[in-house]
């Protein structure tokens, strides 16, 4: 993709943005950076993720070739997840976004506090801005 090309539906950059747009995708990839882990250990490491969302996210990451599901025979059944080389290649990007958030997070939150959640020119009947909370702030 060159700088002057639009983000077409089949654009590779849009594919990458879509992968990183889901918060849990990046969080799980980062949680797996030190090696394979079982789902229960991932939930302990991450916190705040439900079993359902964890399962959906792991399946999505596996579908996209970013993690590999490794089943082990025996009883009880055991499954680990580990990063593929493709998944590992995203870690520097996730780290860079995290560093940016650490450096600029206070500025973003301050801008959100200053912003009018419902400007007068905001079309009626439309949703609030994505970053607005349930009370519009």
N, C-alpha and C. Protein backbone atom coordinates (compact mmCIF):
# COMPACT_ATOMS: atom_id res chain seq x y z
N UNK A 1 0.84 -1.18 0.00
CA UNK A 1 0.00 0.00 0.00
C UNK A 1 0.89 1.24 0.00
N UNK A 2 0.58 2.15 -0.88
CA UNK A 2 1.31 3.40 -0.83
C UNK A 2 0.48 4.42 -0.06
N UNK A 3 1.11 5.50 0.31
CA UNK A 3 0.48 6.51 1.16
C UNK A 3 -0.74 7.13 0.50
N UNK A 4 -0.74 7.26 -0.83
CA UNK A 4 -1.84 7.94 -1.50
C UNK A 4 -2.99 7.02 -1.91
N UNK A 5 -2.92 5.73 -1.59
CA UNK A 5 -3.99 4.81 -1.93
C UNK A 5 -5.08 4.85 -0.86
N UNK A 6 -6.34 4.73 -1.27
CA UNK A 6 -7.42 4.68 -0.27
C UNK A 6 -7.42 3.34 0.45
N UNK A 7 -8.08 3.30 1.61
CA UNK A 7 -8.21 2.06 2.37
C UNK A 7 -9.39 1.28 1.80
N UNK A 8 -9.15 0.54 0.74
CA UNK A 8 -10.20 -0.24 0.09
C UNK A 8 -10.60 -1.41 0.96
N UNK A 9 -11.75 -1.99 0.66
CA UNK A 9 -12.27 -3.11 1.46
C UNK A 9 -11.28 -4.26 1.53
N UNK A 10 -10.52 -4.49 0.46
CA UNK A 10 -9.58 -5.61 0.47
C UNK A 10 -8.13 -5.15 0.72
N UNK A 11 -7.98 -3.95 1.23
CA UNK A 11 -6.66 -3.40 1.51
C UNK A 11 -6.01 -4.16 2.67
N UNK A 12 -4.73 -4.49 2.51
CA UNK A 12 -4.01 -5.22 3.55
C UNK A 12 -3.87 -4.40 4.83
N UNK A 13 -3.74 -3.09 4.69
CA UNK A 13 -3.64 -2.24 5.88
C UNK A 13 -4.93 -2.31 6.69
N UNK A 14 -6.08 -2.31 6.03
CA UNK A 14 -7.35 -2.42 6.75
C UNK A 14 -7.43 -3.74 7.48
N UNK A 15 -6.92 -4.80 6.87
CA UNK A 15 -6.90 -6.10 7.53
C UNK A 15 -6.11 -6.02 8.83
N UNK A 16 -4.96 -5.39 8.79
CA UNK A 16 -4.13 -5.25 9.99
C UNK A 16 -4.81 -4.38 11.03
N UNK A 17 -5.42 -3.26 10.60
CA UNK A 17 -6.13 -2.39 11.54
C UNK A 17 -7.29 -3.14 12.19
N UNK A 18 -7.99 -3.94 11.41
CA UNK A 18 -9.10 -4.73 11.97
C UNK A 18 -8.59 -5.71 13.03
N UNK A 19 -7.45 -6.33 12.78
CA UNK A 19 -6.89 -7.26 13.77
C UNK A 19 -6.55 -6.57 15.08
N UNK A 20 -6.04 -5.35 15.00
CA UNK A 20 -5.63 -4.64 16.21
C UNK A 20 -6.76 -3.81 16.82
N UNK A 21 -7.86 -3.63 16.08
CA UNK A 21 -8.96 -2.81 16.59
C UNK A 21 -9.66 -3.49 17.76
N UNK A 22 -9.69 -4.80 17.78
CA UNK A 22 -10.32 -5.51 18.89
C UNK A 22 -9.34 -5.53 20.06
N UNK A 23 -9.74 -4.90 21.15
CA UNK A 23 -8.87 -4.78 22.32
C UNK A 23 -8.32 -6.12 22.78
N UNK A 24 -9.18 -7.13 22.82
CA UNK A 24 -8.76 -8.41 23.36
C UNK A 24 -7.74 -9.10 22.48
N UNK A 25 -7.75 -8.86 21.16
CA UNK A 25 -6.75 -9.47 20.29
C UNK A 25 -5.35 -9.08 20.74
N UNK A 26 -5.11 -7.78 20.87
CA UNK A 26 -3.78 -7.31 21.25
C UNK A 26 -3.42 -7.76 22.67
N UNK A 27 -4.39 -7.72 23.57
CA UNK A 27 -4.13 -8.12 24.96
C UNK A 27 -3.71 -9.59 25.02
N UNK A 28 -4.42 -10.45 24.30
CA UNK A 28 -4.08 -11.88 24.32
C UNK A 28 -2.74 -12.15 23.64
N UNK A 29 -2.48 -11.48 22.53
CA UNK A 29 -1.18 -11.66 21.89
C UNK A 29 -0.06 -11.26 22.85
N UNK A 30 -0.25 -10.15 23.55
CA UNK A 30 0.77 -9.70 24.50
C UNK A 30 0.91 -10.69 25.65
N UNK A 31 -0.21 -11.24 26.11
CA UNK A 31 -0.18 -12.20 27.23
C UNK A 31 0.55 -13.48 26.84
N UNK A 32 0.58 -13.81 25.56
CA UNK A 32 1.25 -15.03 25.10
C UNK A 32 2.71 -14.79 24.69
N UNK A 33 3.22 -13.58 24.86
CA UNK A 33 4.56 -13.25 24.38
C UNK A 33 5.65 -14.07 25.05
N UNK A 34 5.43 -14.52 26.30
CA UNK A 34 6.47 -15.26 27.02
C UNK A 34 6.39 -16.76 26.84
N UNK A 35 5.42 -17.23 26.07
CA UNK A 35 5.33 -18.66 25.81
C UNK A 35 3.91 -19.18 25.90
N UNK A 36 3.74 -20.47 25.62
CA UNK A 36 2.41 -21.08 25.61
C UNK A 36 1.71 -20.96 26.97
N UNK A 37 0.39 -20.94 26.90
CA UNK A 37 -0.39 -20.86 28.14
C UNK A 37 -1.73 -21.54 27.95
N UNK A 38 -2.24 -22.05 29.04
CA UNK A 38 -3.59 -22.62 29.06
C UNK A 38 -4.60 -21.49 29.24
N UNK A 39 -5.82 -21.68 28.77
CA UNK A 39 -6.83 -20.62 28.90
C UNK A 39 -7.02 -20.13 30.34
N UNK A 40 -7.01 -21.03 31.30
CA UNK A 40 -7.20 -20.61 32.70
C UNK A 40 -6.07 -19.69 33.15
N UNK A 41 -4.86 -19.95 32.71
CA UNK A 41 -3.73 -19.10 33.07
C UNK A 41 -3.80 -17.75 32.35
N UNK A 42 -4.31 -17.76 31.12
CA UNK A 42 -4.49 -16.50 30.40
C UNK A 42 -5.50 -15.61 31.12
N UNK A 43 -6.59 -16.20 31.59
CA UNK A 43 -7.60 -15.42 32.32
C UNK A 43 -7.01 -14.82 33.59
N UNK A 44 -6.18 -15.58 34.29
CA UNK A 44 -5.53 -15.08 35.51
C UNK A 44 -4.58 -13.92 35.18
N UNK A 45 -3.83 -14.06 34.08
CA UNK A 45 -2.87 -13.04 33.68
C UNK A 45 -3.54 -11.75 33.26
N UNK A 46 -4.65 -11.89 32.54
CA UNK A 46 -5.29 -10.73 31.93
C UNK A 46 -6.26 -10.05 32.90
N UNK A 47 -7.15 -10.81 33.50
CA UNK A 47 -8.17 -10.22 34.36
C UNK A 47 -9.21 -9.46 33.54
N UNK A 48 -10.46 -9.55 33.94
CA UNK A 48 -11.52 -8.80 33.30
C UNK A 48 -12.05 -9.39 32.01
N UNK A 49 -11.59 -10.56 31.63
CA UNK A 49 -12.09 -11.19 30.40
C UNK A 49 -12.91 -12.41 30.79
N UNK A 50 -14.09 -12.52 30.22
CA UNK A 50 -14.96 -13.65 30.53
C UNK A 50 -14.47 -14.89 29.78
N UNK A 51 -14.84 -16.08 30.26
CA UNK A 51 -14.45 -17.30 29.53
C UNK A 51 -14.95 -17.30 28.09
N UNK A 52 -16.16 -16.79 27.87
CA UNK A 52 -16.74 -16.75 26.52
C UNK A 52 -15.91 -15.85 25.61
N UNK A 53 -15.59 -14.66 26.08
CA UNK A 53 -14.82 -13.72 25.26
C UNK A 53 -13.41 -14.25 25.03
N UNK A 54 -12.82 -14.88 26.04
CA UNK A 54 -11.50 -15.49 25.87
C UNK A 54 -11.53 -16.54 24.77
N UNK A 55 -12.52 -17.43 24.81
CA UNK A 55 -12.64 -18.48 23.80
C UNK A 55 -12.85 -17.89 22.42
N UNK A 56 -13.75 -16.92 22.30
CA UNK A 56 -14.01 -16.28 21.00
C UNK A 56 -12.74 -15.62 20.46
N UNK A 57 -12.00 -14.95 21.33
CA UNK A 57 -10.80 -14.25 20.89
C UNK A 57 -9.71 -15.24 20.47
N UNK A 58 -9.53 -16.30 21.23
CA UNK A 58 -8.54 -17.31 20.86
C UNK A 58 -8.89 -17.95 19.52
N UNK A 59 -10.17 -18.23 19.30
CA UNK A 59 -10.60 -18.80 18.01
C UNK A 59 -10.33 -17.82 16.87
N UNK A 60 -10.63 -16.53 17.09
CA UNK A 60 -10.41 -15.52 16.07
C UNK A 60 -8.91 -15.40 15.74
N UNK A 61 -8.08 -15.41 16.78
CA UNK A 61 -6.64 -15.32 16.56
C UNK A 61 -6.10 -16.55 15.84
N UNK A 62 -6.63 -17.72 16.18
CA UNK A 62 -6.21 -18.95 15.49
C UNK A 62 -6.67 -18.92 14.03
N UNK A 63 -7.90 -18.47 13.79
CA UNK A 63 -8.44 -18.36 12.43
C UNK A 63 -7.54 -17.48 11.56
N UNK A 64 -7.00 -16.44 12.16
CA UNK A 64 -6.15 -15.50 11.43
C UNK A 64 -4.68 -15.91 11.42
N UNK A 65 -4.37 -17.06 11.99
CA UNK A 65 -3.00 -17.58 11.94
C UNK A 65 -2.05 -16.94 12.93
N UNK A 66 -2.60 -16.26 13.96
CA UNK A 66 -1.76 -15.55 14.92
C UNK A 66 -1.41 -16.38 16.15
N UNK A 67 -2.26 -17.33 16.49
CA UNK A 67 -1.98 -18.27 17.58
C UNK A 67 -2.26 -19.68 17.09
N UNK A 68 -1.66 -20.61 17.78
CA UNK A 68 -1.85 -22.02 17.47
C UNK A 68 -2.42 -22.71 18.70
N UNK A 69 -3.43 -23.52 18.48
CA UNK A 69 -4.03 -24.33 19.55
C UNK A 69 -3.30 -25.66 19.59
N UNK A 70 -2.79 -26.01 20.77
CA UNK A 70 -2.00 -27.23 20.92
C UNK A 70 -2.69 -28.14 21.92
N UNK A 71 -3.45 -29.15 21.42
CA UNK A 71 -4.11 -30.08 22.34
C UNK A 71 -3.15 -31.18 22.79
N UNK A 72 -3.32 -31.64 24.03
CA UNK A 72 -2.52 -32.73 24.57
C UNK A 72 -3.44 -33.89 24.90
N UNK A 73 -3.01 -35.12 24.57
CA UNK A 73 -3.85 -36.28 24.88
C UNK A 73 -3.87 -36.55 26.38
N UNK A 74 -4.88 -37.26 26.79
CA UNK A 74 -4.96 -37.64 28.19
C UNK A 74 -6.21 -37.10 28.85
N UNK A 75 -6.33 -37.50 30.09
CA UNK A 75 -7.47 -37.06 30.88
C UNK A 75 -6.96 -36.39 32.14
N UNK A 76 -7.41 -35.26 32.49
CA UNK A 76 -8.39 -34.46 31.74
C UNK A 76 -7.74 -33.83 30.51
N UNK A 77 -8.58 -33.47 29.52
CA UNK A 77 -8.03 -32.87 28.31
C UNK A 77 -7.32 -31.55 28.64
N UNK A 78 -6.24 -31.29 27.93
CA UNK A 78 -5.47 -30.06 28.15
C UNK A 78 -5.17 -29.41 26.81
N UNK A 79 -5.29 -28.09 26.78
CA UNK A 79 -5.00 -27.33 25.57
C UNK A 79 -4.16 -26.12 25.94
N UNK A 80 -3.11 -25.91 25.19
CA UNK A 80 -2.30 -24.70 25.33
C UNK A 80 -2.48 -23.87 24.07
N UNK A 81 -2.21 -22.59 24.19
CA UNK A 81 -2.18 -21.70 23.04
C UNK A 81 -0.82 -21.04 23.01
N UNK A 82 -0.28 -20.89 21.79
CA UNK A 82 1.01 -20.23 21.66
C UNK A 82 0.99 -19.36 20.40
N UNK A 83 1.85 -18.37 20.42
CA UNK A 83 1.96 -17.48 19.27
C UNK A 83 2.60 -18.21 18.10
N UNK A 84 2.13 -17.91 16.91
CA UNK A 84 2.81 -18.34 15.70
C UNK A 84 3.85 -17.26 15.38
N UNK A 85 4.68 -17.51 14.40
CA UNK A 85 5.64 -16.48 13.97
C UNK A 85 4.89 -15.24 13.49
N UNK A 86 3.77 -15.45 12.82
CA UNK A 86 2.96 -14.32 12.36
C UNK A 86 2.44 -13.50 13.55
N UNK A 87 1.95 -14.19 14.57
CA UNK A 87 1.48 -13.50 15.77
C UNK A 87 2.61 -12.78 16.48
N UNK A 88 3.76 -13.41 16.55
CA UNK A 88 4.93 -12.81 17.20
C UNK A 88 5.37 -11.55 16.46
N UNK A 89 5.15 -11.52 15.14
CA UNK A 89 5.57 -10.34 14.36
C UNK A 89 4.76 -9.09 14.71
N UNK A 90 3.61 -9.26 15.36
CA UNK A 90 2.80 -8.11 15.79
C UNK A 90 3.24 -7.52 17.13
N UNK A 91 4.04 -8.24 17.89
CA UNK A 91 4.43 -7.78 19.23
C UNK A 91 5.12 -6.41 19.22
N UNK A 92 6.04 -6.13 18.30
CA UNK A 92 6.64 -4.78 18.31
C UNK A 92 5.61 -3.67 18.07
N UNK A 93 4.61 -3.94 17.24
CA UNK A 93 3.55 -2.95 17.00
C UNK A 93 2.71 -2.74 18.25
N UNK A 94 2.36 -3.82 18.92
CA UNK A 94 1.57 -3.73 20.15
C UNK A 94 2.37 -2.99 21.22
N UNK A 95 3.66 -3.30 21.31
CA UNK A 95 4.51 -2.61 22.28
C UNK A 95 4.58 -1.11 21.98
N UNK A 96 4.68 -0.76 20.70
CA UNK A 96 4.75 0.66 20.31
C UNK A 96 3.44 1.37 20.63
N UNK A 97 2.32 0.74 20.39
CA UNK A 97 1.03 1.35 20.72
C UNK A 97 0.91 1.50 22.24
N UNK A 98 1.35 0.51 22.99
CA UNK A 98 1.33 0.60 24.44
C UNK A 98 2.21 1.73 24.95
N UNK A 99 3.38 1.90 24.35
CA UNK A 99 4.28 2.99 24.75
C UNK A 99 3.64 4.34 24.43
N UNK A 100 2.99 4.44 23.27
CA UNK A 100 2.29 5.68 22.92
C UNK A 100 1.19 5.96 23.94
N UNK A 101 0.42 4.94 24.29
CA UNK A 101 -0.68 5.11 25.25
C UNK A 101 -0.14 5.55 26.62
N UNK A 102 0.98 4.98 27.03
CA UNK A 102 1.59 5.37 28.30
C UNK A 102 2.03 6.83 28.26
N UNK A 103 2.62 7.23 27.14
CA UNK A 103 3.13 8.59 27.00
C UNK A 103 2.03 9.63 26.82
N UNK A 104 0.92 9.25 26.19
CA UNK A 104 -0.10 10.23 25.82
C UNK A 104 -1.49 9.96 26.41
N UNK A 105 -1.62 8.92 27.21
CA UNK A 105 -2.92 8.57 27.76
C UNK A 105 -3.55 9.68 28.58
N UNK A 106 -2.76 10.39 29.38
CA UNK A 106 -3.29 11.50 30.18
C UNK A 106 -3.83 12.60 29.29
N UNK A 107 -3.14 12.87 28.19
CA UNK A 107 -3.60 13.90 27.25
C UNK A 107 -4.93 13.52 26.62
N UNK A 108 -5.07 12.26 26.24
CA UNK A 108 -6.31 11.79 25.62
C UNK A 108 -7.45 11.88 26.63
N UNK A 109 -7.21 11.44 27.86
CA UNK A 109 -8.26 11.50 28.88
C UNK A 109 -8.64 12.95 29.19
N UNK A 110 -7.67 13.84 29.21
CA UNK A 110 -7.97 15.26 29.45
C UNK A 110 -8.81 15.82 28.31
N UNK A 111 -8.50 15.46 27.08
CA UNK A 111 -9.29 15.92 25.93
C UNK A 111 -10.72 15.39 26.02
N UNK A 112 -10.87 14.14 26.46
CA UNK A 112 -12.21 13.56 26.61
C UNK A 112 -13.01 14.30 27.67
N UNK A 113 -12.34 14.69 28.75
CA UNK A 113 -13.03 15.42 29.82
C UNK A 113 -13.46 16.81 29.35
N UNK A 114 -12.65 17.44 28.50
CA UNK A 114 -12.97 18.78 27.99
C UNK A 114 -14.04 18.74 26.91
N UNK A 115 -14.16 17.63 26.22
CA UNK A 115 -15.05 17.54 25.06
C UNK A 115 -16.51 17.54 25.48
N UNK A 116 -17.33 18.17 24.65
CA UNK A 116 -18.77 18.14 24.83
C UNK A 116 -19.25 16.82 24.21
N UNK A 117 -19.81 15.91 25.02
CA UNK A 117 -20.19 14.60 24.48
C UNK A 117 -21.34 14.68 23.47
N UNK A 118 -22.10 15.75 23.48
CA UNK A 118 -23.20 15.91 22.54
C UNK A 118 -23.17 17.30 21.93
N UNK A 119 -22.22 17.58 21.02
CA UNK A 119 -22.19 18.89 20.38
C UNK A 119 -23.52 19.20 19.70
N UNK A 120 -23.85 20.49 19.61
CA UNK A 120 -25.13 20.90 19.01
C UNK A 120 -25.26 20.42 17.58
N UNK A 121 -24.14 20.33 16.85
CA UNK A 121 -24.22 19.91 15.45
C UNK A 121 -24.20 18.39 15.29
N UNK A 122 -24.20 17.66 16.40
CA UNK A 122 -24.23 16.19 16.33
C UNK A 122 -25.61 15.76 15.85
N UNK A 123 -25.70 14.93 14.81
CA UNK A 123 -27.01 14.53 14.29
C UNK A 123 -27.83 13.81 15.35
N UNK A 124 -29.08 14.21 15.46
CA UNK A 124 -29.98 13.57 16.43
C UNK A 124 -30.30 12.15 15.96
N UNK A 125 -30.46 11.25 16.92
CA UNK A 125 -30.80 9.87 16.60
C UNK A 125 -29.59 9.00 16.29
N UNK A 126 -28.39 9.57 16.35
CA UNK A 126 -27.18 8.79 16.11
C UNK A 126 -26.53 8.43 17.43
N UNK A 127 -25.68 7.42 17.38
CA UNK A 127 -24.97 6.98 18.59
C UNK A 127 -23.99 8.05 19.05
N UNK A 128 -23.62 7.94 20.31
CA UNK A 128 -22.59 8.79 20.87
C UNK A 128 -21.25 8.43 20.24
N UNK A 129 -20.28 9.31 20.36
CA UNK A 129 -18.93 8.94 19.89
C UNK A 129 -18.48 7.66 20.58
N UNK A 130 -17.69 6.84 19.90
CA UNK A 130 -17.27 5.53 20.41
C UNK A 130 -16.60 5.60 21.76
N UNK A 131 -15.85 6.64 22.03
CA UNK A 131 -15.12 6.68 23.30
C UNK A 131 -15.97 7.19 24.45
N UNK A 132 -17.17 7.66 24.16
CA UNK A 132 -18.03 8.16 25.24
C UNK A 132 -18.52 7.01 26.10
N UNK A 133 -18.59 7.24 27.37
CA UNK A 133 -19.08 6.23 28.30
C UNK A 133 -20.59 6.18 28.31
N UNK A 134 -21.18 5.32 29.15
CA UNK A 134 -22.62 5.14 29.18
C UNK A 134 -23.38 6.40 29.58
N UNK A 135 -22.74 7.29 30.33
CA UNK A 135 -23.41 8.52 30.72
C UNK A 135 -23.05 9.68 29.79
N UNK A 136 -22.41 9.34 28.63
CA UNK A 136 -22.08 10.33 27.64
C UNK A 136 -20.75 11.03 27.90
N UNK A 137 -19.99 10.57 28.88
CA UNK A 137 -18.70 11.21 29.18
C UNK A 137 -17.56 10.26 29.01
